[in-house]
Amino acid sequence: MHLSSDNELVVIHDSDLQRIAGVDRAVKEMTLAELKALDVGIPALAEVLDLVPEDRRIFIEVKMGLSSIEPLKDLLNKTSLLMSQVVLMEFDMETVISMKKSFPDAEVLWLNDFPLLSFPWQRKRALNQILNTTLEFGLDGINLQNISQLNARFIRSCHKHNLSCYCWTVDDPDRASCLIKKGIDGLASNRPGWMREQLNFSNPRSW
């Protein structure tokens, strides 16, 4: 989720339009109308919220830091969604803490990734630090990059402290099945439909 130049929340992963539209401009430099004129499928967050069924939740990754909180608060106050249907997440800890204060009834997750060349012992230590920091600031859970050190023991530690534990990005069915058996609360995948088929999830509303 990014902010347009006219302060509209839009659903797009990248901060610029180069990759998806071949346009050398940042999202924050364009109005919502200009973004929609590109016709590459960039919806306003308000439009997406209207599509969320009553028995489903929506995961929103905030990518603009603290500047997104007030526009997000205004939008969520207008929606018919319950706060229990909203999951917010960010990498920046200051923003995550502020989101939890601003949206106490929403689930707020701290997103984390790991240096590409870090050693296994460094990643294990980082996981413990992440868990302790998440508890210290009263957050609801963690959303972690898919690393091998994310195992059953760590997931149990999260659950022991009433924290949710999610994982991104899982595109290998064997790894997905393994994490599910270990008790992971949710997975992000680049191929969700295909992943469901591989895991034999015939019911589209199942886990």
N, C-alpha and C. Protein backbone atom coordinates (compact mmCIF):
# COMPACT_ATOMS: atom_id res chain seq x y z
N MET A 1 0.84 -1.19 0.00
CA MET A 1 0.00 0.00 0.00
C MET A 1 0.88 1.24 0.00
N HIS A 2 0.60 2.15 -0.95
CA HIS A 2 1.33 3.41 -1.04
C HIS A 2 0.34 4.58 -1.07
N LEU A 3 0.88 5.77 -0.90
CA LEU A 3 0.08 7.00 -0.97
C LEU A 3 0.32 7.70 -2.29
N SER A 4 -0.77 8.14 -2.91
CA SER A 4 -0.66 8.94 -4.13
C SER A 4 -0.39 10.40 -3.75
N SER A 5 -0.13 11.22 -4.74
CA SER A 5 0.16 12.63 -4.46
C SER A 5 -1.04 13.38 -3.89
N ASP A 6 -2.24 12.87 -4.17
CA ASP A 6 -3.44 13.49 -3.61
C ASP A 6 -3.93 12.76 -2.37
N ASN A 7 -3.00 12.06 -1.70
CA ASN A 7 -3.26 11.45 -0.39
C ASN A 7 -4.26 10.30 -0.43
N GLU A 8 -4.32 9.60 -1.56
CA GLU A 8 -5.17 8.42 -1.66
C GLU A 8 -4.32 7.17 -1.47
N LEU A 9 -4.86 6.22 -0.73
CA LEU A 9 -4.17 4.95 -0.51
C LEU A 9 -4.41 4.03 -1.70
N VAL A 10 -3.33 3.53 -2.28
CA VAL A 10 -3.45 2.68 -3.46
C VAL A 10 -2.71 1.36 -3.22
N VAL A 11 -3.23 0.32 -3.85
CA VAL A 11 -2.68 -1.02 -3.66
C VAL A 11 -1.69 -1.33 -4.76
N ILE A 12 -0.42 -1.21 -4.41
CA ILE A 12 0.67 -1.52 -5.33
C ILE A 12 1.89 -1.85 -4.49
N HIS A 13 2.67 -2.83 -4.94
CA HIS A 13 3.84 -3.25 -4.18
C HIS A 13 5.00 -2.27 -4.33
N ASP A 14 5.31 -1.89 -5.57
CA ASP A 14 6.48 -1.06 -5.83
C ASP A 14 6.22 0.40 -5.49
N SER A 15 7.30 1.12 -5.22
CA SER A 15 7.17 2.55 -4.93
C SER A 15 7.15 3.38 -6.22
N ASP A 16 7.47 2.76 -7.35
CA ASP A 16 7.44 3.46 -8.63
C ASP A 16 6.73 2.60 -9.68
N LEU A 17 6.54 3.17 -10.87
CA LEU A 17 5.76 2.52 -11.92
C LEU A 17 6.62 1.86 -12.99
N GLN A 18 7.93 1.86 -12.82
CA GLN A 18 8.82 1.39 -13.87
C GLN A 18 8.57 -0.08 -14.22
N ARG A 19 8.48 -0.93 -13.21
CA ARG A 19 8.41 -2.37 -13.47
C ARG A 19 7.08 -2.78 -14.08
N ILE A 20 5.98 -2.22 -13.58
CA ILE A 20 4.68 -2.69 -14.05
C ILE A 20 4.10 -1.88 -15.20
N ALA A 21 4.57 -0.65 -15.36
CA ALA A 21 3.97 0.20 -16.40
C ALA A 21 5.00 0.83 -17.32
N GLY A 22 6.29 0.64 -17.03
CA GLY A 22 7.31 1.25 -17.86
C GLY A 22 7.34 2.75 -17.76
N VAL A 23 6.87 3.29 -16.65
CA VAL A 23 6.81 4.74 -16.45
C VAL A 23 7.80 5.11 -15.35
N ASP A 24 8.68 6.03 -15.64
CA ASP A 24 9.73 6.41 -14.70
C ASP A 24 9.22 7.50 -13.75
N ARG A 25 8.24 7.12 -12.95
CA ARG A 25 7.70 8.05 -11.95
C ARG A 25 7.37 7.28 -10.68
N ALA A 26 7.46 7.97 -9.56
CA ALA A 26 7.11 7.37 -8.27
C ALA A 26 5.61 7.44 -8.06
N VAL A 27 5.07 6.47 -7.33
CA VAL A 27 3.64 6.47 -7.02
C VAL A 27 3.24 7.76 -6.31
N LYS A 28 4.08 8.20 -5.38
CA LYS A 28 3.75 9.37 -4.57
C LYS A 28 3.74 10.67 -5.38
N GLU A 29 4.22 10.62 -6.62
CA GLU A 29 4.24 11.80 -7.48
C GLU A 29 3.01 11.89 -8.37
N MET A 30 2.14 10.88 -8.32
CA MET A 30 1.00 10.83 -9.21
C MET A 30 -0.31 10.81 -8.43
N THR A 31 -1.34 11.41 -9.00
CA THR A 31 -2.66 11.37 -8.38
C THR A 31 -3.30 10.01 -8.63
N LEU A 32 -4.35 9.73 -7.89
CA LEU A 32 -5.08 8.48 -8.10
C LEU A 32 -5.60 8.39 -9.52
N ALA A 33 -6.12 9.49 -10.05
CA ALA A 33 -6.64 9.51 -11.42
C ALA A 33 -5.54 9.20 -12.43
N GLU A 34 -4.36 9.74 -12.21
CA GLU A 34 -3.25 9.48 -13.12
C GLU A 34 -2.81 8.02 -13.05
N LEU A 35 -2.81 7.47 -11.86
CA LEU A 35 -2.44 6.06 -11.69
C LEU A 35 -3.44 5.15 -12.39
N LYS A 36 -4.71 5.46 -12.26
CA LYS A 36 -5.74 4.65 -12.90
C LYS A 36 -5.70 4.78 -14.42
N ALA A 37 -5.26 5.92 -14.90
CA ALA A 37 -5.18 6.12 -16.34
C ALA A 37 -4.12 5.23 -16.98
N LEU A 38 -3.20 4.72 -16.18
CA LEU A 38 -2.17 3.82 -16.71
C LEU A 38 -2.75 2.47 -17.10
N ASP A 39 -3.88 2.11 -16.54
CA ASP A 39 -4.59 0.88 -16.86
C ASP A 39 -3.71 -0.36 -16.68
N VAL A 40 -3.06 -0.42 -15.52
CA VAL A 40 -2.27 -1.61 -15.19
C VAL A 40 -2.77 -2.26 -13.90
N GLY A 41 -4.02 -1.95 -13.56
CA GLY A 41 -4.66 -2.65 -12.44
C GLY A 41 -4.26 -2.17 -11.07
N ILE A 42 -4.11 -0.86 -10.89
CA ILE A 42 -3.80 -0.31 -9.57
C ILE A 42 -5.09 0.20 -8.93
N PRO A 43 -5.65 -0.53 -7.98
CA PRO A 43 -6.89 -0.10 -7.35
C PRO A 43 -6.64 0.80 -6.14
N ALA A 44 -7.61 1.60 -5.81
CA ALA A 44 -7.58 2.31 -4.53
C ALA A 44 -7.85 1.29 -3.42
N LEU A 45 -7.25 1.49 -2.27
CA LEU A 45 -7.47 0.57 -1.17
C LEU A 45 -8.95 0.52 -0.79
N ALA A 46 -9.64 1.64 -0.91
CA ALA A 46 -11.06 1.68 -0.59
C ALA A 46 -11.85 0.70 -1.44
N GLU A 47 -11.48 0.57 -2.70
CA GLU A 47 -12.15 -0.37 -3.60
C GLU A 47 -11.92 -1.81 -3.17
N VAL A 48 -10.70 -2.11 -2.73
CA VAL A 48 -10.38 -3.46 -2.29
C VAL A 48 -11.11 -3.81 -1.00
N LEU A 49 -11.18 -2.87 -0.07
CA LEU A 49 -11.87 -3.12 1.19
C LEU A 49 -13.33 -3.48 0.96
N ASP A 50 -13.94 -2.88 -0.04
CA ASP A 50 -15.34 -3.17 -0.35
C ASP A 50 -15.57 -4.60 -0.82
N LEU A 51 -14.50 -5.28 -1.24
CA LEU A 51 -14.62 -6.64 -1.77
C LEU A 51 -14.39 -7.72 -0.72
N VAL A 52 -14.00 -7.33 0.49
CA VAL A 52 -13.68 -8.32 1.53
C VAL A 52 -14.97 -8.91 2.10
N PRO A 53 -15.18 -10.23 1.99
CA PRO A 53 -16.39 -10.85 2.54
C PRO A 53 -16.44 -10.72 4.06
N GLU A 54 -17.63 -10.90 4.62
CA GLU A 54 -17.81 -10.72 6.05
C GLU A 54 -17.02 -11.73 6.88
N ASP A 55 -16.73 -12.90 6.31
CA ASP A 55 -16.04 -13.95 7.07
C ASP A 55 -14.56 -14.06 6.69
N ARG A 56 -14.02 -13.04 6.02
CA ARG A 56 -12.62 -13.04 5.60
C ARG A 56 -11.87 -11.87 6.24
N ARG A 57 -10.54 -11.94 6.17
CA ARG A 57 -9.69 -10.85 6.62
C ARG A 57 -8.86 -10.32 5.46
N ILE A 58 -8.35 -9.13 5.62
CA ILE A 58 -7.46 -8.54 4.62
C ILE A 58 -6.14 -8.17 5.30
N PHE A 59 -5.04 -8.55 4.64
CA PHE A 59 -3.70 -8.23 5.12
C PHE A 59 -3.19 -7.02 4.33
N ILE A 60 -2.83 -5.97 5.04
CA ILE A 60 -2.40 -4.73 4.41
C ILE A 60 -0.96 -4.43 4.82
N GLU A 61 -0.06 -4.42 3.83
CA GLU A 61 1.32 -4.02 4.13
C GLU A 61 1.46 -2.53 3.88
N VAL A 62 1.79 -1.82 4.92
CA VAL A 62 2.00 -0.37 4.84
C VAL A 62 3.44 -0.13 4.38
N LYS A 63 3.60 0.69 3.34
CA LYS A 63 4.93 0.90 2.76
C LYS A 63 5.37 2.36 2.79
N MET A 64 4.57 3.22 3.40
CA MET A 64 4.91 4.64 3.41
C MET A 64 5.20 5.15 4.82
N GLY A 65 5.39 4.24 5.76
CA GLY A 65 5.75 4.65 7.10
C GLY A 65 4.65 5.42 7.82
N LEU A 66 5.07 6.31 8.70
CA LEU A 66 4.13 7.04 9.55
C LEU A 66 3.15 7.91 8.77
N SER A 67 3.54 8.35 7.58
CA SER A 67 2.66 9.22 6.79
C SER A 67 1.38 8.53 6.35
N SER A 68 1.37 7.20 6.40
CA SER A 68 0.19 6.45 5.96
C SER A 68 -0.87 6.30 7.04
N ILE A 69 -0.50 6.54 8.28
CA ILE A 69 -1.40 6.17 9.38
C ILE A 69 -2.68 6.99 9.41
N GLU A 70 -2.57 8.30 9.28
CA GLU A 70 -3.78 9.13 9.34
C GLU A 70 -4.72 8.85 8.16
N PRO A 71 -4.23 8.80 6.91
CA PRO A 71 -5.13 8.43 5.80
C PRO A 71 -5.74 7.05 5.99
N LEU A 72 -4.97 6.11 6.54
CA LEU A 72 -5.50 4.77 6.78
C LEU A 72 -6.57 4.80 7.86
N LYS A 73 -6.35 5.59 8.87
CA LYS A 73 -7.34 5.71 9.95
C LYS A 73 -8.64 6.30 9.40
N ASP A 74 -8.54 7.33 8.58
CA ASP A 74 -9.74 7.93 7.98
C ASP A 74 -10.50 6.92 7.14
N LEU A 75 -9.76 6.13 6.37
CA LEU A 75 -10.41 5.16 5.48
C LEU A 75 -11.06 4.05 6.27
N LEU A 76 -10.36 3.50 7.25
CA LEU A 76 -10.92 2.38 8.02
C LEU A 76 -12.11 2.82 8.87
N ASN A 77 -12.15 4.09 9.25
CA ASN A 77 -13.31 4.60 10.00
C ASN A 77 -14.56 4.65 9.12
N LYS A 78 -14.36 4.72 7.81
CA LYS A 78 -15.49 4.81 6.89
C LYS A 78 -15.96 3.45 6.39
N THR A 79 -15.12 2.44 6.50
CA THR A 79 -15.46 1.13 5.96
C THR A 79 -16.40 0.38 6.87
N SER A 80 -17.09 -0.58 6.31
CA SER A 80 -17.99 -1.42 7.10
C SER A 80 -17.26 -2.61 7.71
N LEU A 81 -15.99 -2.78 7.38
CA LEU A 81 -15.22 -3.88 7.94
C LEU A 81 -15.02 -3.71 9.44
N LEU A 82 -15.02 -4.83 10.14
CA LEU A 82 -14.66 -4.82 11.55
C LEU A 82 -13.15 -4.78 11.66
N MET A 83 -12.63 -4.22 12.73
CA MET A 83 -11.19 -4.18 12.91
C MET A 83 -10.61 -5.58 13.06
N SER A 84 -11.43 -6.52 13.49
CA SER A 84 -10.97 -7.90 13.59
C SER A 84 -10.73 -8.53 12.22
N GLN A 85 -11.20 -7.87 11.16
CA GLN A 85 -10.97 -8.35 9.80
C GLN A 85 -9.73 -7.74 9.16
N VAL A 86 -9.06 -6.86 9.88
CA VAL A 86 -7.94 -6.12 9.32
C VAL A 86 -6.64 -6.55 9.98
N VAL A 87 -5.65 -6.91 9.16
CA VAL A 87 -4.30 -7.22 9.63
C VAL A 87 -3.35 -6.22 8.98
N LEU A 88 -2.60 -5.49 9.80
CA LEU A 88 -1.67 -4.48 9.31
C LEU A 88 -0.24 -4.93 9.56
N MET A 89 0.66 -4.61 8.64
CA MET A 89 2.05 -5.03 8.83
C MET A 89 2.99 -4.04 8.16
N GLU A 90 4.20 -3.97 8.72
CA GLU A 90 5.23 -3.04 8.23
C GLU A 90 6.58 -3.54 8.69
N PHE A 91 7.64 -3.16 7.97
CA PHE A 91 9.01 -3.47 8.39
C PHE A 91 9.51 -2.48 9.44
N ASP A 92 9.13 -1.22 9.31
CA ASP A 92 9.63 -0.18 10.20
C ASP A 92 8.99 -0.27 11.57
N MET A 93 9.82 -0.48 12.62
CA MET A 93 9.28 -0.69 13.95
C MET A 93 8.53 0.52 14.48
N GLU A 94 9.02 1.73 14.23
CA GLU A 94 8.33 2.92 14.71
C GLU A 94 6.92 3.00 14.14
N THR A 95 6.78 2.66 12.89
CA THR A 95 5.46 2.67 12.26
C THR A 95 4.58 1.57 12.83
N VAL A 96 5.15 0.39 13.05
CA VAL A 96 4.38 -0.73 13.61
C VAL A 96 3.84 -0.37 14.99
N ILE A 97 4.68 0.21 15.83
CA ILE A 97 4.25 0.61 17.17
C ILE A 97 3.13 1.63 17.09
N SER A 98 3.29 2.60 16.20
CA SER A 98 2.27 3.63 16.04
C SER A 98 0.96 3.04 15.52
N MET A 99 1.05 2.06 14.61
CA MET A 99 -0.16 1.42 14.10
C MET A 99 -0.90 0.69 15.21
N LYS A 100 -0.16 0.03 16.11
CA LYS A 100 -0.82 -0.70 17.18
C LYS A 100 -1.55 0.26 18.11
N LYS A 101 -0.97 1.43 18.33
CA LYS A 101 -1.63 2.44 19.17
C LYS A 101 -2.85 3.02 18.47
N SER A 102 -2.74 3.20 17.16
CA SER A 102 -3.83 3.81 16.39
C SER A 102 -4.96 2.82 16.10
N PHE A 103 -4.61 1.52 16.00
CA PHE A 103 -5.60 0.50 15.66
C PHE A 103 -5.49 -0.65 16.67
N PRO A 104 -5.88 -0.40 17.92
CA PRO A 104 -5.70 -1.41 18.97
C PRO A 104 -6.49 -2.68 18.74
N ASP A 105 -7.58 -2.61 17.95
CA ASP A 105 -8.41 -3.79 17.73
C ASP A 105 -8.06 -4.55 16.46
N ALA A 106 -7.09 -4.06 15.72
CA ALA A 106 -6.62 -4.76 14.53
C ALA A 106 -5.39 -5.59 14.90
N GLU A 107 -5.15 -6.67 14.15
CA GLU A 107 -3.94 -7.44 14.35
C GLU A 107 -2.79 -6.72 13.64
N VAL A 108 -1.73 -6.45 14.38
CA VAL A 108 -0.59 -5.72 13.84
C VAL A 108 0.64 -6.61 13.91
N LEU A 109 1.29 -6.80 12.74
CA LEU A 109 2.44 -7.69 12.62
C LEU A 109 3.69 -6.89 12.27
N TRP A 110 4.81 -7.38 12.78
CA TRP A 110 6.10 -6.81 12.42
C TRP A 110 6.73 -7.66 11.33
N LEU A 111 6.93 -7.07 10.17
CA LEU A 111 7.57 -7.75 9.05
C LEU A 111 9.09 -7.77 9.23
N ASN A 112 9.69 -8.90 8.90
CA ASN A 112 11.14 -9.01 9.03
C ASN A 112 11.75 -9.78 7.88
N ASP A 113 12.92 -9.33 7.43
CA ASP A 113 13.73 -10.09 6.49
C ASP A 113 15.12 -10.26 7.07
N PHE A 114 15.97 -10.98 6.36
CA PHE A 114 17.28 -11.32 6.88
C PHE A 114 18.34 -11.10 5.80
N PRO A 115 19.54 -10.62 6.20
CA PRO A 115 20.61 -10.42 5.22
C PRO A 115 20.88 -11.69 4.43
N LEU A 116 21.08 -11.54 3.14
CA LEU A 116 21.22 -12.68 2.25
C LEU A 116 22.36 -13.61 2.67
N LEU A 117 23.47 -13.06 3.08
CA LEU A 117 24.65 -13.86 3.38
C LEU A 117 24.86 -14.08 4.87
N SER A 118 23.84 -13.85 5.67
CA SER A 118 23.99 -14.06 7.10
C SER A 118 24.12 -15.55 7.41
N PHE A 119 24.85 -15.86 8.46
CA PHE A 119 25.07 -17.24 8.86
C PHE A 119 23.86 -17.78 9.62
N PRO A 120 23.67 -19.11 9.66
CA PRO A 120 22.54 -19.69 10.40
C PRO A 120 22.46 -19.24 11.85
N TRP A 121 23.62 -19.18 12.53
CA TRP A 121 23.60 -18.76 13.93
C TRP A 121 23.17 -17.31 14.08
N GLN A 122 23.50 -16.49 13.09
CA GLN A 122 23.07 -15.09 13.12
C GLN A 122 21.56 -14.98 12.96
N ARG A 123 21.02 -15.84 12.11
CA ARG A 123 19.57 -15.81 11.89
C ARG A 123 18.82 -16.33 13.11
N LYS A 124 19.36 -17.34 13.78
CA LYS A 124 18.73 -17.85 15.00
C LYS A 124 18.73 -16.77 16.08
N ARG A 125 19.85 -16.10 16.21
CA ARG A 125 19.92 -15.01 17.20
C ARG A 125 18.94 -13.90 16.84
N ALA A 126 18.86 -13.57 15.55
CA ALA A 126 17.94 -12.52 15.11
C ALA A 126 16.49 -12.89 15.41
N LEU A 127 16.15 -14.17 15.22
CA LEU A 127 14.78 -14.62 15.50
C LEU A 127 14.44 -14.41 16.97
N ASN A 128 15.35 -14.74 17.85
CA ASN A 128 15.11 -14.54 19.28
C ASN A 128 14.95 -13.06 19.61
N GLN A 129 15.76 -12.22 18.99
CA GLN A 129 15.65 -10.78 19.21
C GLN A 129 14.33 -10.25 18.70
N ILE A 130 13.92 -10.75 17.54
CA ILE A 130 12.64 -10.33 16.97
C ILE A 130 11.48 -10.70 17.89
N LEU A 131 11.51 -11.91 18.41
CA LEU A 131 10.47 -12.36 19.34
C LEU A 131 10.42 -11.47 20.57
N ASN A 132 11.57 -11.20 21.16
CA ASN A 132 11.61 -10.39 22.38
C ASN A 132 11.14 -8.96 22.13
N THR A 133 11.54 -8.39 20.99
CA THR A 133 11.13 -7.02 20.68
C THR A 133 9.63 -6.94 20.42
N THR A 134 9.09 -7.95 19.74
CA THR A 134 7.65 -7.99 19.47
C THR A 134 6.86 -8.03 20.77
N LEU A 135 7.34 -8.81 21.72
CA LEU A 135 6.68 -8.87 23.03
C LEU A 135 6.82 -7.56 23.79
N GLU A 136 8.00 -6.98 23.72
CA GLU A 136 8.27 -5.74 24.46
C GLU A 136 7.31 -4.63 24.07
N PHE A 137 6.98 -4.54 22.78
CA PHE A 137 6.15 -3.44 22.32
C PHE A 137 4.67 -3.82 22.16
N GLY A 138 4.29 -4.98 22.65
CA GLY A 138 2.88 -5.35 22.68
C GLY A 138 2.24 -5.54 21.33
N LEU A 139 3.02 -6.05 20.37
CA LEU A 139 2.47 -6.31 19.05
C LEU A 139 1.75 -7.65 19.04
N ASP A 140 1.07 -7.94 17.94
CA ASP A 140 0.24 -9.16 17.88
C ASP A 140 0.94 -10.34 17.24
N GLY A 141 1.99 -10.08 16.49
CA GLY A 141 2.64 -11.20 15.83
C GLY A 141 3.77 -10.76 14.91
N ILE A 142 4.30 -11.75 14.20
CA ILE A 142 5.47 -11.57 13.36
C ILE A 142 5.18 -12.16 11.98
N ASN A 143 5.67 -11.50 10.96
CA ASN A 143 5.59 -12.04 9.60
C ASN A 143 7.02 -12.11 9.07
N LEU A 144 7.55 -13.33 8.93
CA LEU A 144 8.96 -13.53 8.67
C LEU A 144 9.24 -14.00 7.26
N GLN A 145 10.39 -13.56 6.76
CA GLN A 145 10.89 -14.09 5.50
C GLN A 145 11.08 -15.60 5.63
N ASN A 146 10.87 -16.30 4.54
CA ASN A 146 10.96 -17.76 4.54
C ASN A 146 12.43 -18.20 4.64
N ILE A 147 12.86 -18.50 5.86
CA ILE A 147 14.22 -19.00 6.09
C ILE A 147 14.12 -20.35 6.79
N SER A 148 15.13 -21.17 6.62
CA SER A 148 15.09 -22.52 7.19
C SER A 148 15.08 -22.51 8.71
N GLN A 149 15.60 -21.43 9.31
CA GLN A 149 15.63 -21.36 10.78
C GLN A 149 14.24 -21.12 11.38
N LEU A 150 13.27 -20.79 10.54
CA LEU A 150 11.89 -20.70 11.02
C LEU A 150 11.35 -22.11 11.13
N ASN A 151 11.34 -22.63 12.34
CA ASN A 151 11.01 -24.03 12.56
C ASN A 151 9.92 -24.18 13.60
N ALA A 152 9.58 -25.42 13.91
CA ALA A 152 8.49 -25.71 14.83
C ALA A 152 8.75 -25.11 16.21
N ARG A 153 10.00 -25.17 16.65
CA ARG A 153 10.33 -24.64 17.98
C ARG A 153 10.04 -23.15 18.06
N PHE A 154 10.44 -22.42 17.02
CA PHE A 154 10.20 -20.97 17.05
C PHE A 154 8.71 -20.67 16.97
N ILE A 155 7.99 -21.39 16.14
CA ILE A 155 6.55 -21.17 16.02
C ILE A 155 5.86 -21.45 17.35
N ARG A 156 6.28 -22.51 18.03
CA ARG A 156 5.71 -22.81 19.36
C ARG A 156 6.03 -21.70 20.36
N SER A 157 7.22 -21.13 20.26
CA SER A 157 7.59 -20.04 21.16
C SER A 157 6.67 -18.83 20.95
N CYS A 158 6.37 -18.54 19.69
CA CYS A 158 5.43 -17.45 19.40
C CYS A 158 4.07 -17.73 20.02
N HIS A 159 3.56 -18.91 19.78
CA HIS A 159 2.23 -19.26 20.28
C HIS A 159 2.19 -19.30 21.80
N LYS A 160 3.29 -19.71 22.42
CA LYS A 160 3.38 -19.73 23.88
C LYS A 160 3.17 -18.34 24.46
N HIS A 161 3.61 -17.33 23.71
CA HIS A 161 3.47 -15.93 24.14
C HIS A 161 2.28 -15.23 23.48
N ASN A 162 1.37 -16.04 22.94
CA ASN A 162 0.14 -15.51 22.30
C ASN A 162 0.44 -14.60 21.11
N LEU A 163 1.49 -14.92 20.39
CA LEU A 163 1.82 -14.18 19.18
C LEU A 163 1.50 -15.02 17.95
N SER A 164 1.01 -14.37 16.90
CA SER A 164 0.83 -15.05 15.62
C SER A 164 2.17 -15.12 14.91
N CYS A 165 2.34 -16.14 14.07
CA CYS A 165 3.58 -16.29 13.30
C CYS A 165 3.22 -16.61 11.86
N TYR A 166 3.59 -15.71 10.95
CA TYR A 166 3.32 -15.88 9.53
C TYR A 166 4.65 -15.95 8.77
N CYS A 167 4.58 -16.34 7.52
CA CYS A 167 5.80 -16.49 6.72
C CYS A 167 5.58 -16.02 5.29
N TRP A 168 6.58 -15.31 4.73
CA TRP A 168 6.58 -14.89 3.34
C TRP A 168 7.96 -15.22 2.76
N THR A 169 8.10 -15.41 1.52
CA THR A 169 7.16 -15.84 0.50
C THR A 169 7.44 -17.32 0.27
N VAL A 170 6.40 -18.15 0.30
CA VAL A 170 6.56 -19.60 0.20
C VAL A 170 5.96 -20.07 -1.11
N ASP A 171 6.81 -20.48 -2.05
CA ASP A 171 6.35 -20.94 -3.36
C ASP A 171 6.64 -22.42 -3.60
N ASP A 172 7.20 -23.08 -2.60
CA ASP A 172 7.49 -24.51 -2.69
C ASP A 172 6.47 -25.29 -1.87
N PRO A 173 5.68 -26.17 -2.50
CA PRO A 173 4.63 -26.90 -1.77
C PRO A 173 5.16 -27.73 -0.61
N ASP A 174 6.34 -28.31 -0.76
CA ASP A 174 6.89 -29.12 0.34
C ASP A 174 7.18 -28.24 1.56
N ARG A 175 7.75 -27.08 1.30
CA ARG A 175 8.03 -26.16 2.41
C ARG A 175 6.73 -25.65 3.03
N ALA A 176 5.75 -25.36 2.19
CA ALA A 176 4.46 -24.90 2.69
C ALA A 176 3.81 -25.96 3.56
N SER A 177 3.81 -27.20 3.09
CA SER A 177 3.21 -28.30 3.85
C SER A 177 3.93 -28.48 5.18
N CYS A 178 5.25 -28.37 5.16
CA CYS A 178 6.05 -28.51 6.38
C CYS A 178 5.69 -27.42 7.39
N LEU A 179 5.60 -26.18 6.94
CA LEU A 179 5.28 -25.08 7.84
C LEU A 179 3.87 -25.22 8.41
N ILE A 180 2.95 -25.66 7.59
CA ILE A 180 1.58 -25.86 8.06
C ILE A 180 1.54 -26.91 9.17
N LYS A 181 2.26 -27.99 8.98
CA LYS A 181 2.32 -29.04 9.99
C LYS A 181 2.97 -28.54 11.28
N LYS A 182 3.86 -27.58 11.13
CA LYS A 182 4.55 -27.02 12.31
C LYS A 182 3.73 -25.97 13.02
N GLY A 183 2.57 -25.61 12.44
CA GLY A 183 1.66 -24.71 13.13
C GLY A 183 1.69 -23.27 12.69
N ILE A 184 2.31 -22.96 11.54
CA ILE A 184 2.35 -21.58 11.05
C ILE A 184 0.92 -21.04 10.91
N ASP A 185 0.73 -19.77 11.21
CA ASP A 185 -0.61 -19.18 11.17
C ASP A 185 -1.04 -18.76 9.77
N GLY A 186 -0.10 -18.57 8.88
CA GLY A 186 -0.46 -18.19 7.52
C GLY A 186 0.78 -18.05 6.66
N LEU A 187 0.59 -18.18 5.35
CA LEU A 187 1.68 -18.10 4.38
C LEU A 187 1.32 -17.12 3.28
N ALA A 188 2.34 -16.45 2.77
CA ALA A 188 2.17 -15.65 1.55
C ALA A 188 2.87 -16.38 0.42
N SER A 189 2.24 -16.40 -0.75
CA SER A 189 2.80 -17.07 -1.92
C SER A 189 2.55 -16.24 -3.16
N ASN A 190 3.48 -16.32 -4.11
CA ASN A 190 3.28 -15.67 -5.41
C ASN A 190 2.27 -16.42 -6.27
N ARG A 191 1.98 -17.67 -5.89
CA ARG A 191 1.07 -18.51 -6.68
C ARG A 191 0.03 -19.14 -5.76
N PRO A 192 -0.84 -18.36 -5.15
CA PRO A 192 -1.77 -18.90 -4.14
C PRO A 192 -2.73 -19.95 -4.68
N GLY A 193 -3.29 -19.73 -5.86
CA GLY A 193 -4.21 -20.72 -6.42
C GLY A 193 -3.54 -22.03 -6.69
N TRP A 194 -2.38 -21.96 -7.34
CA TRP A 194 -1.60 -23.16 -7.64
C TRP A 194 -1.17 -23.85 -6.36
N MET A 195 -0.78 -23.06 -5.35
CA MET A 195 -0.34 -23.64 -4.08
C MET A 195 -1.47 -24.41 -3.41
N ARG A 196 -2.67 -23.86 -3.45
CA ARG A 196 -3.82 -24.57 -2.87
C ARG A 196 -4.02 -25.92 -3.57
N GLU A 197 -3.88 -25.91 -4.87
CA GLU A 197 -4.05 -27.16 -5.63
C GLU A 197 -2.99 -28.18 -5.22
N GLN A 198 -1.75 -27.74 -5.08
CA GLN A 198 -0.67 -28.65 -4.71
C GLN A 198 -0.86 -29.21 -3.31
N LEU A 199 -1.45 -28.43 -2.43
CA LEU A 199 -1.67 -28.86 -1.06
C LEU A 199 -3.01 -29.55 -0.87
N ASN A 200 -3.75 -29.70 -1.99
CA ASN A 200 -5.06 -30.37 -1.96
C ASN A 200 -6.07 -29.65 -1.09
N PHE A 201 -6.01 -28.32 -1.11
CA PHE A 201 -7.02 -27.53 -0.41
C PHE A 201 -8.16 -27.29 -1.39
N SER A 202 -9.10 -28.20 -1.43
CA SER A 202 -10.19 -28.12 -2.40
C SER A 202 -11.18 -27.00 -2.05
N ASN A 203 -11.30 -26.67 -0.76
CA ASN A 203 -12.22 -25.63 -0.34
C ASN A 203 -11.51 -24.30 -0.38
N PRO A 204 -11.93 -23.37 -1.25
CA PRO A 204 -11.23 -22.09 -1.38
C PRO A 204 -11.30 -21.25 -0.12
N ARG A 205 -12.16 -21.60 0.83
CA ARG A 205 -12.25 -20.84 2.07
C ARG A 205 -11.57 -21.57 3.23
N SER A 206 -10.85 -22.64 2.90
CA SER A 206 -10.11 -23.34 3.96
C SER A 206 -8.82 -22.58 4.24
N TRP A 207 -7.98 -23.13 5.07
CA TRP A 207 -6.74 -22.44 5.50
C TRP A 207 -5.97 -21.91 4.29
